[in-house]
């Protein structure tokens, strides 16, 4: 059995696992607090010590842009040179990729039980795929297949301009412009974004908002105990739809649109019953175009690790 290291690193936690190169199977998942280690390498070495395995290949997904050899995490103090870490750990391969590059690479490996479909037709083989998800931020990636090779297309699409569609959304944008120089979709489609929507809705009615956390807003919305939270959740789902529809239009993603991230998979039933799909298709002359495109909520619990394994396997010559 040929085992290699995979990782999925967020602003707080670091998840590691082993991937079996022949099958892509993920095992021995462990989660560490990134605050307990001065560097990513120290954390990775601790995992390898804990599982008692020596490896030659590794792929680690990180929640920040990867633009060259030097990596500096957005929401963490860790910073490092990829080549220096590779040499220090004695690795033949060290791939450092964006977290949504990893999520996109997991899509071909998902099984039917790993996702929930929300409308549309069937995915068309060979057509582009879009992946996005709200968590600490708003991650976006695309995936295309050429000659049997999956090619991830990372980007920072979460930072495109927030474009309101209704009068209520206009009011939210008006409030958020008082807070931010640039109001991106990430300012509304993320954990902090839930709070931003809630605060803007309340203040647009000339009231003062409560000091709610994202989990408070979703809980009160789902329990129907706070009308402002209900309005916030409804708008969040609709904006997820509008944004996903924009991604689908941009690249003709008839291979499907996939939603991952830390927020939506926590309340898939309510999300499925929301106005998400209507907002996804609501594109005027292109309503029927978008009605054909399927959307899936990814429910696999270790999708980042699965995708890191797929990326690594393909990079060293395995066919996915």
Protein backbone atom coordinates (compact mmCIF):
# COMPACT_ATOMS: atom_id res chain seq x y z
CA UNK A 1 0.00 0.00 0.00
CA UNK A 2 1.41 3.37 -1.08
CA UNK A 3 0.39 6.05 1.40
CA UNK A 4 0.90 9.80 1.06
CA UNK A 5 0.03 12.85 3.16
CA UNK A 6 -2.90 15.14 2.46
CA UNK A 7 -3.97 18.21 4.40
CA UNK A 8 -6.75 20.79 4.55
CA UNK A 9 -5.74 23.92 6.44
CA UNK A 10 -8.14 26.63 7.59
CA UNK A 11 -7.74 29.72 9.70
CA UNK A 12 -8.18 27.77 12.95
CA UNK A 13 -7.91 24.02 12.38
CA UNK A 14 -5.53 21.83 10.40
CA UNK A 15 -6.85 18.49 9.14
CA UNK A 16 -4.51 15.78 7.93
CA UNK A 17 -5.04 12.29 6.54
CA UNK A 18 -3.38 9.59 4.49
CA UNK A 19 -4.34 8.87 0.89
CA UNK A 20 -3.85 5.50 -0.76
CA UNK A 21 -2.38 6.38 -4.16
CA UNK A 22 -3.85 3.42 -6.04
CA UNK A 23 -7.45 3.86 -4.90
CA UNK A 24 -7.65 7.43 -3.61
CA UNK A 25 -9.08 6.18 -0.31
CA UNK A 26 -8.69 8.61 2.60
CA UNK A 27 -7.91 7.28 6.09
CA UNK A 28 -6.51 8.20 9.53
CA UNK A 29 -8.06 11.68 9.61
CA UNK A 30 -6.86 13.85 12.50
CA UNK A 31 -7.63 17.45 13.36
CA UNK A 32 -5.22 19.81 15.12
CA UNK A 33 -5.51 23.39 16.31
CA UNK A 34 -3.24 25.51 14.15
CA UNK A 35 -2.71 27.76 17.16
CA UNK A 36 -0.74 24.98 18.86
CA UNK A 37 2.08 24.94 16.29
CA UNK A 38 4.48 27.69 15.18
CA UNK A 39 4.59 26.44 11.58
CA UNK A 40 2.66 24.26 9.16
CA UNK A 41 5.66 21.93 8.91
CA UNK A 42 5.64 21.39 12.69
CA UNK A 43 1.95 20.47 12.54
CA UNK A 44 2.45 18.10 9.59
CA UNK A 45 5.38 16.41 11.31
CA UNK A 46 3.29 15.92 14.45
CA UNK A 47 0.61 14.17 12.41
CA UNK A 48 3.14 11.85 10.77
CA UNK A 49 4.59 11.03 14.19
CA UNK A 50 1.10 10.33 15.55
CA UNK A 51 0.20 7.92 12.74
CA UNK A 52 3.70 6.41 12.52
CA UNK A 53 4.03 6.65 8.74
CA UNK A 54 6.87 7.85 6.51
CA UNK A 55 5.84 9.45 3.23
CA UNK A 56 7.44 10.71 0.02
CA UNK A 57 4.54 12.68 -1.45
CA UNK A 58 2.21 15.28 0.03
CA UNK A 59 -0.51 17.71 -1.03
CA UNK A 60 -1.85 20.33 1.34
CA UNK A 61 -4.79 22.64 0.63
CA UNK A 62 -4.73 26.05 2.30
CA UNK A 63 -7.39 28.76 2.58
CA UNK A 64 -5.45 31.50 0.82
CA UNK A 65 -4.27 32.42 -2.68
CA UNK A 66 -1.30 30.36 -3.94
CA UNK A 67 0.60 32.51 -6.44
CA UNK A 68 4.19 31.29 -6.15
CA UNK A 69 6.74 29.66 -3.85
CA UNK A 70 6.02 31.93 -0.88
CA UNK A 71 2.76 31.24 0.95
CA UNK A 72 1.33 33.58 3.55
CA UNK A 73 -2.00 32.56 5.06
CA UNK A 74 -4.73 35.19 5.11
CA UNK A 75 -6.29 34.26 8.47
CA UNK A 76 -3.28 32.72 10.20
CA UNK A 77 0.31 33.60 11.10
CA UNK A 78 1.79 30.67 9.14
CA UNK A 79 4.03 31.63 6.22
CA UNK A 80 6.60 29.52 4.40
CA UNK A 81 8.47 28.66 1.22
CA UNK A 82 7.11 25.57 -0.52
CA UNK A 83 10.53 24.52 -1.76
CA UNK A 84 12.15 24.99 1.64
CA UNK A 85 9.44 22.93 3.34
CA UNK A 86 9.76 20.22 0.68
CA UNK A 87 13.53 20.02 1.21
CA UNK A 88 13.25 20.13 5.00
CA UNK A 89 10.79 17.23 5.06
CA UNK A 90 12.75 15.22 2.48
CA UNK A 91 9.79 14.91 0.10
CA UNK A 92 9.81 13.97 -3.56
CA UNK A 93 6.56 15.86 -4.09
CA UNK A 94 4.96 18.71 -2.13
CA UNK A 95 1.93 20.32 -3.72
CA UNK A 96 0.43 23.36 -1.96
CA UNK A 97 -2.95 24.29 -3.43
CA UNK A 98 -5.85 26.64 -2.69
CA UNK A 99 -8.59 25.07 -0.58
CA UNK A 100 -11.21 25.42 -3.32
CA UNK A 101 -8.84 23.93 -5.86
CA UNK A 102 -8.95 20.89 -3.59
CA UNK A 103 -12.74 20.99 -3.36
CA UNK A 104 -13.05 21.18 -7.15
CA UNK A 105 -10.71 18.21 -7.61
CA UNK A 106 -12.88 16.16 -5.25
CA UNK A 107 -15.93 16.44 -7.51
CA UNK A 108 -15.01 13.57 -9.89
CA UNK A 109 -14.41 11.31 -6.84
CA UNK A 110 -17.75 11.98 -5.15
CA UNK A 111 -20.39 9.25 -4.93
CA UNK A 112 -24.16 9.80 -5.09
CA UNK A 113 -24.41 9.65 -1.30
CA UNK A 114 -21.89 12.47 -0.94
CA UNK A 115 -24.19 15.19 -2.29
CA UNK A 116 -27.78 16.41 -2.48
CA UNK A 117 -29.24 17.61 -5.78
CA UNK A 118 -31.21 20.86 -5.92
CA UNK A 119 -32.95 21.07 -9.29
CA UNK A 120 -31.83 21.06 -12.89
CA UNK A 121 -31.10 18.23 -15.29
CA UNK A 122 -28.24 15.75 -15.24
CA UNK A 123 -24.57 16.76 -15.37
CA UNK A 124 -23.15 16.66 -18.91
CA UNK A 125 -19.90 14.73 -19.14
CA UNK A 126 -16.97 16.83 -20.32
CA UNK A 127 -18.63 20.18 -19.63
CA UNK A 128 -17.20 22.72 -17.17
CA UNK A 129 -17.98 22.51 -13.46
CA UNK A 130 -18.33 25.36 -10.95
CA UNK A 131 -17.67 25.02 -7.23
CA UNK A 132 -18.32 27.58 -4.53
CA UNK A 133 -18.97 27.70 -0.85
CA UNK A 134 -19.53 30.04 2.06
CA UNK A 135 -17.55 29.63 5.27
CA UNK A 136 -15.13 32.08 6.83
CA UNK A 137 -15.04 33.57 3.32
CA UNK A 138 -16.54 32.77 -0.08
CA UNK A 139 -14.47 30.26 -2.05
CA UNK A 140 -14.81 29.80 -5.81
CA UNK A 141 -13.20 27.51 -8.38
CA UNK A 142 -13.96 25.89 -11.73
CA UNK A 143 -12.99 22.52 -13.12
CA UNK A 144 -12.63 21.34 -16.71
CA UNK A 145 -11.59 18.01 -18.21
CA UNK A 146 -9.30 17.85 -21.24
CA UNK A 147 -7.88 14.66 -22.68
CA UNK A 148 -8.82 12.70 -19.58
CA UNK A 149 -6.99 15.14 -17.28
CA UNK A 150 -8.90 17.25 -14.77
CA UNK A 151 -7.76 20.88 -14.76
CA UNK A 152 -8.75 23.04 -11.77
CA UNK A 153 -9.15 26.77 -12.41
CA UNK A 154 -8.68 28.57 -9.09
CA UNK A 155 -9.56 32.21 -8.59
CA UNK A 156 -10.86 34.78 -6.15
CA UNK A 157 -14.40 34.99 -7.50
CA UNK A 158 -15.83 35.61 -4.06
CA UNK A 159 -14.52 39.16 -4.27
CA UNK A 160 -16.54 40.25 -7.31
CA UNK A 161 -18.97 43.14 -6.77
CA UNK A 162 -22.16 42.40 -4.87
CA UNK A 163 -25.03 43.16 -7.26
CA UNK A 164 -28.47 43.54 -5.63
CA UNK A 165 -31.59 42.36 -7.45
CA UNK A 166 -34.45 43.55 -5.21
CA UNK A 167 -35.31 46.68 -3.25
CA UNK A 168 -34.51 44.88 0.01
CA UNK A 169 -31.08 43.92 -1.34
CA UNK A 170 -30.61 47.54 -2.48
CA UNK A 171 -31.10 48.63 1.14
CA UNK A 172 -28.56 46.08 2.35
CA UNK A 173 -26.00 47.32 -0.17
CA UNK A 174 -26.66 50.92 0.93
CA UNK A 175 -25.91 49.99 4.56
CA UNK A 176 -22.81 47.93 3.70
CA UNK A 177 -21.33 50.78 1.65
CA UNK A 178 -21.09 52.69 4.93
CA UNK A 179 -18.89 49.92 6.33
CA UNK A 180 -16.69 48.81 3.40
CA UNK A 181 -14.85 50.54 0.57
CA UNK A 182 -15.71 47.58 -1.67
CA UNK A 183 -18.83 45.49 -1.09
CA UNK A 184 -18.08 42.07 -2.55
CA UNK A 185 -20.26 38.98 -2.55
CA UNK A 186 -18.04 37.63 0.24
CA UNK A 187 -19.36 40.46 2.45
CA UNK A 188 -22.79 38.77 2.33
CA UNK A 189 -22.05 35.11 1.51
CA UNK A 190 -19.95 33.96 4.46
CA UNK A 191 -20.20 33.55 8.23
CA UNK A 192 -19.43 37.25 8.75
CA UNK A 193 -21.72 37.90 5.78
CA UNK A 194 -24.72 36.51 7.65
CA UNK A 195 -24.05 39.05 10.40
CA UNK A 196 -23.59 41.81 7.80
CA UNK A 197 -26.95 41.01 6.18
CA UNK A 198 -28.70 40.87 9.55
CA UNK A 199 -27.20 44.18 10.74
CA UNK A 200 -28.02 45.89 7.43
CA UNK A 201 -31.63 44.66 7.41
CA UNK A 202 -32.24 45.89 10.95
CA UNK A 203 -30.49 49.23 10.45
CA UNK A 204 -32.37 49.86 7.20
CA UNK A 205 -35.51 49.83 9.39
CA UNK A 206 -33.92 52.44 11.71
CA UNK A 207 -33.43 49.96 14.54
CA UNK A 208 -30.34 48.72 16.37
CA UNK A 209 -29.36 45.06 15.76
CA UNK A 210 -28.66 42.52 18.47
CA UNK A 211 -25.09 41.31 18.91
CA UNK A 212 -25.70 37.97 17.17
CA UNK A 213 -23.12 35.49 15.93
CA UNK A 214 -23.72 33.59 12.64
CA UNK A 215 -24.86 30.48 14.52
CA UNK A 216 -27.39 32.58 16.45
CA UNK A 217 -28.87 33.94 13.24
CA UNK A 218 -29.26 30.55 11.56
CA UNK A 219 -30.66 28.92 14.70
CA UNK A 220 -33.25 31.66 15.23
CA UNK A 221 -34.15 31.62 11.54
CA UNK A 222 -34.62 27.86 11.41
CA UNK A 223 -36.64 27.92 14.65
CA UNK A 224 -38.66 30.88 13.35
CA UNK A 225 -38.11 32.80 16.60
CA UNK A 226 -36.77 36.07 15.16
CA UNK A 227 -38.26 37.69 12.05
CA UNK A 228 -35.07 39.62 11.26
CA UNK A 229 -33.08 36.38 11.31
CA UNK A 230 -35.69 34.74 9.08
CA UNK A 231 -35.31 37.60 6.60
CA UNK A 232 -31.53 37.28 6.81
CA UNK A 233 -31.56 33.55 6.13
CA UNK A 234 -33.99 34.00 3.24
CA UNK A 235 -31.80 36.65 1.64
CA UNK A 236 -28.64 34.59 2.20
CA UNK A 237 -30.17 31.63 0.33
CA UNK A 238 -31.40 33.84 -2.50
CA UNK A 239 -28.00 35.51 -2.85
CA UNK A 240 -26.34 32.09 -2.93
CA UNK A 241 -28.65 31.35 -5.84
CA UNK A 242 -27.92 34.55 -7.72
CA UNK A 243 -24.18 34.13 -7.28
CA UNK A 244 -24.28 30.47 -8.37
CA UNK A 245 -26.29 31.43 -11.43
CA UNK A 246 -23.63 34.02 -12.31
CA UNK A 247 -20.93 31.34 -12.14
CA UNK A 248 -23.00 29.00 -14.31
CA UNK A 249 -23.54 31.70 -16.94
CA UNK A 250 -19.89 32.73 -17.00
CA UNK A 251 -18.57 29.31 -18.04
CA UNK A 252 -21.61 27.36 -19.20
CA UNK A 253 -21.20 24.88 -16.35
CA UNK A 254 -23.41 22.09 -17.67
CA UNK A 255 -21.15 19.71 -15.77
CA UNK A 256 -22.91 21.00 -12.67
CA UNK A 257 -22.61 23.61 -9.94
CA UNK A 258 -21.44 22.29 -6.58
CA UNK A 259 -21.84 24.03 -3.22
CA UNK A 260 -19.40 23.15 -0.43
CA UNK A 261 -18.08 25.26 2.45
CA UNK A 262 -18.85 25.27 6.14
CA UNK A 263 -22.33 26.85 6.18
CA UNK A 264 -24.83 25.39 3.69
CA UNK A 265 -24.19 21.66 4.35
CA UNK A 266 -25.26 22.26 7.97
CA UNK A 267 -28.87 22.98 6.98
CA UNK A 268 -29.40 21.31 3.61
CA UNK A 269 -33.11 20.62 4.10
CA UNK A 270 -33.94 24.26 4.83
CA UNK A 271 -31.66 25.39 2.02
CA UNK A 272 -33.34 23.04 -0.44
CA UNK A 273 -36.77 24.39 0.58
CA UNK A 274 -35.63 28.04 0.32
CA UNK A 275 -35.77 30.43 -2.62
CA UNK A 276 -32.29 29.36 -3.70
CA UNK A 277 -33.21 27.56 -6.92
CA UNK A 278 -35.62 30.26 -8.11
CA UNK A 279 -32.91 32.88 -7.59
CA UNK A 280 -30.36 30.65 -9.36
CA UNK A 281 -32.50 30.51 -12.50
CA UNK A 282 -33.79 34.09 -12.35
CA UNK A 283 -31.72 35.52 -15.20
CA UNK A 284 -34.31 36.99 -17.56
CA UNK A 285 -33.75 35.74 -21.11
CA UNK A 286 -31.50 32.97 -19.79
CA UNK A 287 -33.95 31.42 -17.32
CA UNK A 288 -34.41 28.31 -19.46
CA UNK A 289 -30.65 28.03 -20.03
CA UNK A 290 -30.01 27.88 -16.28
CA UNK A 291 -32.99 25.60 -15.60
CA UNK A 292 -31.03 22.78 -17.27
CA UNK A 293 -27.97 23.10 -15.02
CA UNK A 294 -27.96 20.91 -11.90
CA UNK A 295 -26.84 22.17 -8.51
CA UNK A 296 -25.51 19.87 -5.79
CA UNK A 297 -24.76 20.51 -2.13
CA UNK A 298 -21.66 18.52 -1.20
CA UNK A 299 -22.18 16.68 2.09
CA UNK A 300 -18.92 14.65 2.15
CA UNK A 301 -17.31 15.41 5.51
CA UNK A 302 -13.72 15.47 4.25
CA UNK A 303 -14.10 16.91 0.76
CA UNK A 304 -10.92 19.02 1.04
CA UNK A 305 -8.82 15.98 1.95
CA UNK A 306 -10.45 13.92 -0.79
CA UNK A 307 -9.66 16.62 -3.34
CA UNK A 308 -6.10 17.06 -2.12
CA UNK A 309 -5.62 13.33 -2.62
CA UNK A 310 -7.06 13.48 -6.12
CA UNK A 311 -4.83 16.43 -7.03
CA UNK A 312 -1.76 14.63 -5.72
CA UNK A 313 -2.57 11.36 -7.46
CA UNK A 314 -3.06 13.05 -10.81
CA UNK A 315 0.09 15.20 -10.41
CA UNK A 316 2.29 12.11 -10.01
CA UNK A 317 0.71 10.19 -12.89
CA UNK A 318 -2.40 8.39 -11.65
CA UNK A 319 -5.55 8.57 -13.79
CA UNK A 320 -8.65 9.73 -11.93
